[in-house]
Amino acid sequence: MLSIRIGFTPPVVLDYLRNASETARNVVNSSFDADKIGRYLEWAANQRRTLGSSISSADMDRLITTRTYWALVSAGGVTAIALIDIELQSCIAALETEEAELRHAHERWSRAGWTTAAVLDTNALMTNHATLLSSPWHDVIGESEMRSVRIVIPMIVIDELDTLKRSNGLMKINGKDHPRRTVARQALRTVAGIFPTADTVKAVNQSTESPDARPVTIELMADPPGHIRLENPDAEIRDRALTLAAHANRVLLVTYDLGNQFAAGLSGLEAIRLIDEEDAALPDDPLIASPRRKSTREIR
């Protein structure tokens, strides 16, 4: 999925993608002469001004300003002319793929109406996997029951669980210590049970007193083709959450980690930090109400 910059909507980016592929095809069909280099470079410059303003730099380098583009900029001559059509055909295929995927994602999210996307990090999923289908998510994230909620699990979370299922150490859930590897395996089994087929969106049947209440869905968020992950898993989760901002009306990260909450806020992503039992049971800090030490010298 494309990373759309703040201020741009999917319909606008879809128009940019369509224009980019159509004008690229015009260059391919033009006469095979020295001027073709100029037409190609003019096309690329136009896309850098329009499409490049609406998507991330990484997406732009993947679609338009590729390694071949920079090689063509410096090469020139007959060699460059011979490569232009090949490069443009590759660009057209990539642009049309992105257009189809973006259109599909936009239509899928639009059908749900007002939707809040709540993205779970690894600890949030591990701790709450047993109640993933039954948790009152509207209450957990502070959302009106008249709005749809989609719980999103990025693929990096699944891969982290696959790593943790071979790890050592304990984690506390419901006041008891559990082997971390066991919890990871149980969380993976829960996710596999929710998504037994290639369908990555699951509706959750949560009973409610209001007949007009909006539904809860759970989505397994796959990595798009060619996606390069960030090295830090938490940063990758936040980055994937930010890509949903163009589709959902509200996007937030659900985490237990204060550092992840702070990092989300700094990147413009709303975050909710869940309080685990140890934090909830923590006694008052004795230093807050500590008496001031009396001076041994009387002040007159």
Protein backbone atom coordinates (compact mmCIF):
# COMPACT_ATOMS: atom_id res chain seq x y z
CA MET A 1 0.00 0.00 0.00
CA LEU A 2 1.26 3.45 -0.90
CA SER A 3 2.27 5.82 1.87
CA ILE A 4 0.10 8.85 1.08
CA ARG A 5 1.26 12.17 2.47
CA ILE A 6 -0.94 14.14 4.86
CA GLY A 7 -3.29 16.44 2.98
CA PHE A 8 -3.84 14.11 0.03
CA THR A 9 -6.75 11.68 -0.40
CA PRO A 10 -6.86 8.35 -2.26
CA PRO A 11 -9.02 9.74 -5.12
CA VAL A 12 -6.43 12.47 -5.78
CA VAL A 13 -3.54 9.99 -5.76
CA LEU A 14 -5.52 7.64 -8.02
CA ASP A 15 -5.81 10.47 -10.56
CA TYR A 16 -2.05 11.08 -10.32
CA LEU A 17 -1.29 7.38 -10.85
CA ARG A 18 -3.63 7.15 -13.83
CA ASN A 19 -2.13 10.24 -15.41
CA ALA A 20 1.38 8.95 -14.85
CA SER A 21 0.72 5.66 -16.61
CA GLU A 22 -1.23 7.26 -19.49
CA THR A 23 1.43 9.88 -20.20
CA ALA A 24 4.18 7.25 -19.91
CA ARG A 25 2.39 5.19 -22.56
CA ASN A 26 2.34 8.28 -24.82
CA VAL A 27 6.12 8.53 -24.54
CA VAL A 28 6.50 4.82 -25.35
CA ASN A 29 4.36 5.23 -28.48
CA SER A 30 6.21 8.34 -29.65
CA SER A 31 8.85 8.32 -32.36
CA PHE A 32 12.14 6.60 -31.65
CA ASP A 33 14.59 9.50 -31.90
CA ALA A 34 16.95 11.56 -29.78
CA ASP A 35 14.07 13.73 -28.59
CA LYS A 36 12.64 10.70 -26.81
CA ILE A 37 15.18 11.18 -24.02
CA GLY A 38 13.84 14.69 -23.49
CA ARG A 39 10.23 13.48 -23.51
CA TYR A 40 11.07 10.78 -20.97
CA LEU A 41 12.91 13.20 -18.67
CA GLU A 42 10.06 15.72 -18.97
CA TRP A 43 7.58 12.97 -18.01
CA ALA A 44 9.67 11.99 -14.98
CA ALA A 45 10.03 15.63 -13.90
CA ASN A 46 6.26 16.15 -14.12
CA GLN A 47 5.65 13.06 -11.99
CA ARG A 48 8.15 14.26 -9.39
CA ARG A 49 6.17 17.50 -9.11
CA THR A 50 2.69 15.93 -8.98
CA LEU A 51 2.76 12.30 -7.86
CA GLY A 52 5.92 12.91 -5.85
CA SER A 53 4.18 15.54 -3.74
CA SER A 54 1.51 13.07 -2.64
CA ILE A 55 3.42 9.86 -1.82
CA SER A 56 6.51 8.99 0.17
CA SER A 57 10.01 9.35 -1.25
CA ALA A 58 10.50 5.59 -1.00
CA ASP A 59 7.39 4.96 -3.09
CA MET A 60 8.51 7.56 -5.61
CA ASP A 61 11.92 5.91 -5.98
CA ARG A 62 10.20 2.56 -6.48
CA LEU A 63 7.78 3.84 -9.15
CA ILE A 64 9.46 6.70 -11.03
CA THR A 65 12.96 7.71 -9.95
CA THR A 66 14.38 4.20 -10.06
CA ARG A 67 18.03 3.23 -10.42
CA THR A 68 17.47 2.94 -14.15
CA TYR A 69 16.09 6.47 -14.21
CA TRP A 70 19.26 7.88 -12.67
CA ALA A 71 21.38 5.79 -15.03
CA LEU A 72 19.44 7.18 -18.00
CA VAL A 73 19.87 10.74 -16.71
CA SER A 74 23.64 10.36 -16.82
CA ALA A 75 23.97 8.05 -19.86
CA GLY A 76 22.37 9.80 -22.82
CA GLY A 77 22.93 8.76 -26.43
CA VAL A 78 21.68 5.71 -28.28
CA THR A 79 22.09 3.43 -25.26
CA ALA A 80 19.71 5.57 -23.24
CA ILE A 81 17.15 5.67 -26.05
CA ALA A 82 17.15 1.88 -26.25
CA LEU A 83 16.50 1.57 -22.50
CA ILE A 84 13.74 4.17 -22.24
CA ASP A 85 10.91 2.01 -23.57
CA ILE A 86 11.92 -0.89 -21.32
CA GLU A 87 12.03 1.36 -18.28
CA LEU A 88 8.73 3.05 -19.12
CA GLN A 89 6.96 -0.28 -19.64
CA SER A 90 8.20 -1.33 -16.20
CA CYS A 91 6.98 1.96 -14.71
CA ILE A 92 3.57 1.59 -16.35
CA ALA A 93 3.14 -1.92 -14.95
CA ALA A 94 4.11 -0.77 -11.45
CA LEU A 95 1.86 2.30 -11.61
CA GLU A 96 -1.13 0.29 -12.77
CA THR A 97 -0.57 -2.27 -10.01
CA GLU A 98 -0.44 0.49 -7.40
CA GLU A 99 -3.55 2.11 -8.86
CA ALA A 100 -5.51 -1.16 -8.65
CA GLU A 101 -4.36 -1.86 -5.09
CA LEU A 102 -5.10 1.68 -3.92
CA ARG A 103 -8.54 1.64 -5.53
CA HIS A 104 -9.35 -1.69 -3.89
CA ALA A 105 -8.19 -0.46 -0.47
CA HIS A 106 -10.10 2.82 -0.79
CA GLU A 107 -13.33 1.05 -1.78
CA ARG A 108 -12.94 -1.51 1.01
CA TRP A 109 -12.47 1.13 3.70
CA SER A 110 -15.15 3.43 2.25
CA ARG A 111 -17.81 0.74 2.50
CA ALA A 112 -17.44 0.69 6.29
CA GLY A 113 -18.34 4.37 6.65
CA TRP A 114 -16.66 6.24 9.48
CA THR A 115 -13.97 3.84 10.66
CA THR A 116 -11.34 3.92 13.38
CA ALA A 117 -8.29 1.75 12.75
CA ALA A 118 -6.68 0.48 15.95
CA VAL A 119 -3.27 -1.03 15.21
CA LEU A 120 -1.98 -3.54 17.76
CA ASP A 121 1.71 -3.87 18.52
CA THR A 122 3.19 -7.24 19.47
CA ASN A 123 2.75 -6.97 23.24
CA ALA A 124 -0.83 -5.78 22.86
CA LEU A 125 -1.68 -8.80 20.74
CA MET A 126 0.15 -11.27 22.97
CA THR A 127 -1.49 -10.00 26.15
CA ASN A 128 -5.01 -9.83 24.68
CA HIS A 129 -5.05 -12.65 22.12
CA ALA A 130 -7.47 -14.76 24.16
CA THR A 131 -10.07 -11.96 24.18
CA LEU A 132 -9.32 -10.58 20.73
CA LEU A 133 -12.82 -11.38 19.48
CA SER A 134 -14.70 -10.50 22.67
CA SER A 135 -12.98 -7.36 24.00
CA PRO A 136 -15.23 -4.27 24.01
CA TRP A 137 -12.94 -2.45 21.61
CA HIS A 138 -15.12 0.65 21.36
CA ASP A 139 -14.68 1.15 25.11
CA VAL A 140 -10.99 0.22 25.09
CA ILE A 141 -10.06 2.88 22.54
CA GLY A 142 -12.68 5.42 23.59
CA GLU A 143 -14.74 5.32 20.40
CA SER A 144 -18.47 5.84 19.92
CA GLU A 145 -20.38 2.63 19.27
CA MET A 146 -21.95 4.35 16.27
CA ARG A 147 -18.61 4.18 14.46
CA SER A 148 -16.92 1.15 12.96
CA VAL A 149 -13.73 -0.12 14.58
CA ARG A 150 -11.17 -2.16 12.71
CA ILE A 151 -8.48 -3.93 14.75
CA VAL A 152 -5.39 -4.12 12.54
CA ILE A 153 -2.53 -6.60 12.97
CA PRO A 154 0.49 -5.72 10.80
CA MET A 155 2.42 -8.66 9.33
CA ILE A 156 5.55 -7.61 11.23
CA VAL A 157 3.69 -8.53 14.44
CA ILE A 158 3.12 -12.07 13.14
CA ASP A 159 6.79 -12.39 12.23
CA GLU A 160 7.79 -11.16 15.70
CA LEU A 161 5.56 -13.82 17.25
CA ASP A 162 7.23 -16.45 15.07
CA THR A 163 10.55 -15.34 16.54
CA LEU A 164 9.27 -15.17 20.12
CA LYS A 165 7.86 -18.70 19.99
CA ARG A 166 11.47 -19.90 20.29
CA SER A 167 12.49 -17.40 22.97
CA ASN A 168 13.01 -17.75 26.71
CA GLY A 169 11.72 -15.67 29.60
CA LEU A 170 8.38 -15.02 31.25
CA MET A 171 5.59 -12.48 30.84
CA LYS A 172 2.81 -11.74 33.30
CA ILE A 173 -0.82 -12.05 32.18
CA ASN A 174 -3.78 -12.00 34.57
CA GLY A 175 -1.41 -11.90 37.52
CA LYS A 176 0.44 -15.07 36.55
CA ASP A 177 3.80 -15.67 34.91
CA HIS A 178 3.68 -17.49 31.59
CA PRO A 179 6.53 -18.65 29.32
CA ARG A 180 6.86 -16.02 26.62
CA ARG A 181 7.31 -18.67 23.94
CA THR A 182 4.05 -20.33 24.97
CA VAL A 183 2.10 -17.07 24.84
CA ALA A 184 3.56 -16.32 21.40
CA ARG A 185 2.49 -19.73 20.12
CA GLN A 186 -1.01 -19.30 21.56
CA ALA A 187 -1.31 -15.86 19.96
CA LEU A 188 -0.26 -17.31 16.60
CA ARG A 189 -2.85 -20.07 16.98
CA THR A 190 -5.52 -17.44 17.71
CA VAL A 191 -4.64 -15.44 14.60
CA ALA A 192 -4.55 -18.60 12.46
CA GLY A 193 -8.02 -19.50 13.74
CA ILE A 194 -9.40 -16.06 12.84
CA PHE A 195 -7.91 -16.13 9.34
CA PRO A 196 -8.08 -19.75 8.11
CA THR A 197 -8.17 -18.66 4.46
CA ALA A 198 -6.64 -15.96 2.28
CA ASP A 199 -9.37 -13.52 3.37
CA THR A 200 -7.59 -11.03 5.64
CA VAL A 201 -10.65 -9.24 7.08
CA LYS A 202 -12.87 -10.86 9.72
CA ALA A 203 -16.14 -9.44 11.06
CA VAL A 204 -16.63 -9.84 14.81
CA ASN A 205 -20.13 -10.56 16.07
CA GLN A 206 -20.36 -8.54 19.27
CA SER A 207 -23.81 -8.34 20.85
CA THR A 208 -25.01 -4.84 21.70
CA GLU A 209 -28.16 -3.22 22.99
CA SER A 210 -28.11 -0.65 20.20
CA PRO A 211 -29.36 -1.91 16.80
CA ASP A 212 -27.53 0.97 15.12
CA ALA A 213 -24.14 0.16 16.63
CA ARG A 214 -21.32 -0.13 14.11
CA PRO A 215 -19.39 -3.39 13.70
CA VAL A 216 -15.95 -4.48 14.76
CA THR A 217 -13.66 -6.10 12.22
CA ILE A 218 -10.16 -7.54 12.49
CA GLU A 219 -7.69 -7.21 9.63
CA LEU A 220 -4.37 -8.91 9.01
CA MET A 221 -2.38 -6.19 7.26
CA ALA A 222 -0.10 -7.79 4.68
CA ASP A 223 3.04 -6.09 3.41
CA PRO A 224 2.61 -4.68 -0.10
CA PRO A 225 4.80 -6.09 -2.90
CA GLY A 226 8.30 -4.67 -2.81
CA HIS A 227 7.85 -3.26 0.69
CA ILE A 228 11.13 -2.80 2.59
CA ARG A 229 10.70 -2.95 6.33
CA LEU A 230 12.32 -0.63 8.83
CA GLU A 231 14.94 -2.28 11.01
CA ASN A 232 13.18 -1.50 14.29
CA PRO A 233 9.95 -3.57 14.62
CA ASP A 234 8.12 -0.90 16.64
CA ALA A 235 9.06 1.74 14.06
CA GLU A 236 7.79 -0.58 11.33
CA ILE A 237 4.47 -1.03 13.15
CA ARG A 238 4.08 2.74 13.51
CA ASP A 239 4.97 3.25 9.85
CA ARG A 240 2.36 0.72 8.73
CA ALA A 241 -0.21 2.42 10.96
CA LEU A 242 0.52 5.80 9.38
CA THR A 243 -0.25 4.42 5.90
CA LEU A 244 -3.85 3.88 7.05
CA ALA A 245 -4.38 7.59 7.69
CA ALA A 246 -5.48 8.10 4.08
CA HIS A 247 -8.26 5.52 4.44
CA ALA A 248 -9.53 5.53 8.02
CA ASN A 249 -11.10 8.51 9.74
CA ARG A 250 -9.06 7.89 12.88
CA VAL A 251 -5.90 5.82 13.28
CA LEU A 252 -4.28 4.93 16.58
CA LEU A 253 -1.65 2.61 17.97
CA VAL A 254 -2.55 0.29 20.85
CA THR A 255 0.45 -0.52 23.03
CA TYR A 256 1.63 -1.21 26.57
CA ASP A 257 4.98 0.51 26.01
CA LEU A 258 5.49 4.13 27.05
CA GLY A 259 8.38 4.52 24.61
CA ASN A 260 6.22 3.35 21.73
CA GLN A 261 3.49 5.76 22.79
CA PHE A 262 5.92 8.69 22.88
CA ALA A 263 7.44 7.75 19.50
CA ALA A 264 3.98 7.51 17.97
CA GLY A 265 3.06 10.96 19.22
CA LEU A 266 6.27 12.44 17.79
CA SER A 267 5.42 11.01 14.38
CA GLY A 268 1.88 12.41 14.45
CA LEU A 269 0.22 9.09 15.27
CA GLU A 270 -2.35 8.85 18.06
CA ALA A 271 -1.54 6.15 20.61
CA ILE A 272 -3.34 4.56 23.54
CA ARG A 273 -1.22 2.91 26.22
CA LEU A 274 -2.97 0.05 27.95
CA ILE A 275 -2.22 -0.37 31.65
CA ASP A 276 -1.15 -3.86 32.69
CA GLU A 277 -1.91 -5.37 36.08
CA GLU A 278 1.50 -4.63 37.57
CA ASP A 279 1.17 -0.93 36.76
CA ALA A 280 -2.42 -0.85 37.98
CA ALA A 281 -1.42 -2.45 41.28
CA LEU A 282 1.58 -0.19 41.77
CA PRO A 283 1.39 1.62 45.14
CA ASP A 284 1.61 5.37 45.37
CA ASP A 285 5.11 6.73 44.99
CA PRO A 286 6.31 7.41 48.55
CA LEU A 287 8.48 10.28 47.35
CA ILE A 288 5.47 12.29 46.18
CA ALA A 289 4.24 12.96 49.71
CA SER A 290 7.57 12.76 51.52
CA PRO A 291 7.95 15.32 54.33
CA ARG A 292 10.37 18.12 53.78
CA ARG A 293 13.47 17.91 55.93
CA LYS A 294 13.46 20.51 58.68
CA SER A 295 16.38 22.86 58.76
CA THR A 296 18.60 22.67 61.80
CA ARG A 297 19.08 26.41 61.61
CA GLU A 298 16.26 28.66 62.64
CA ILE A 299 15.60 31.51 60.24
CA ARG A 300 14.77 34.78 61.89
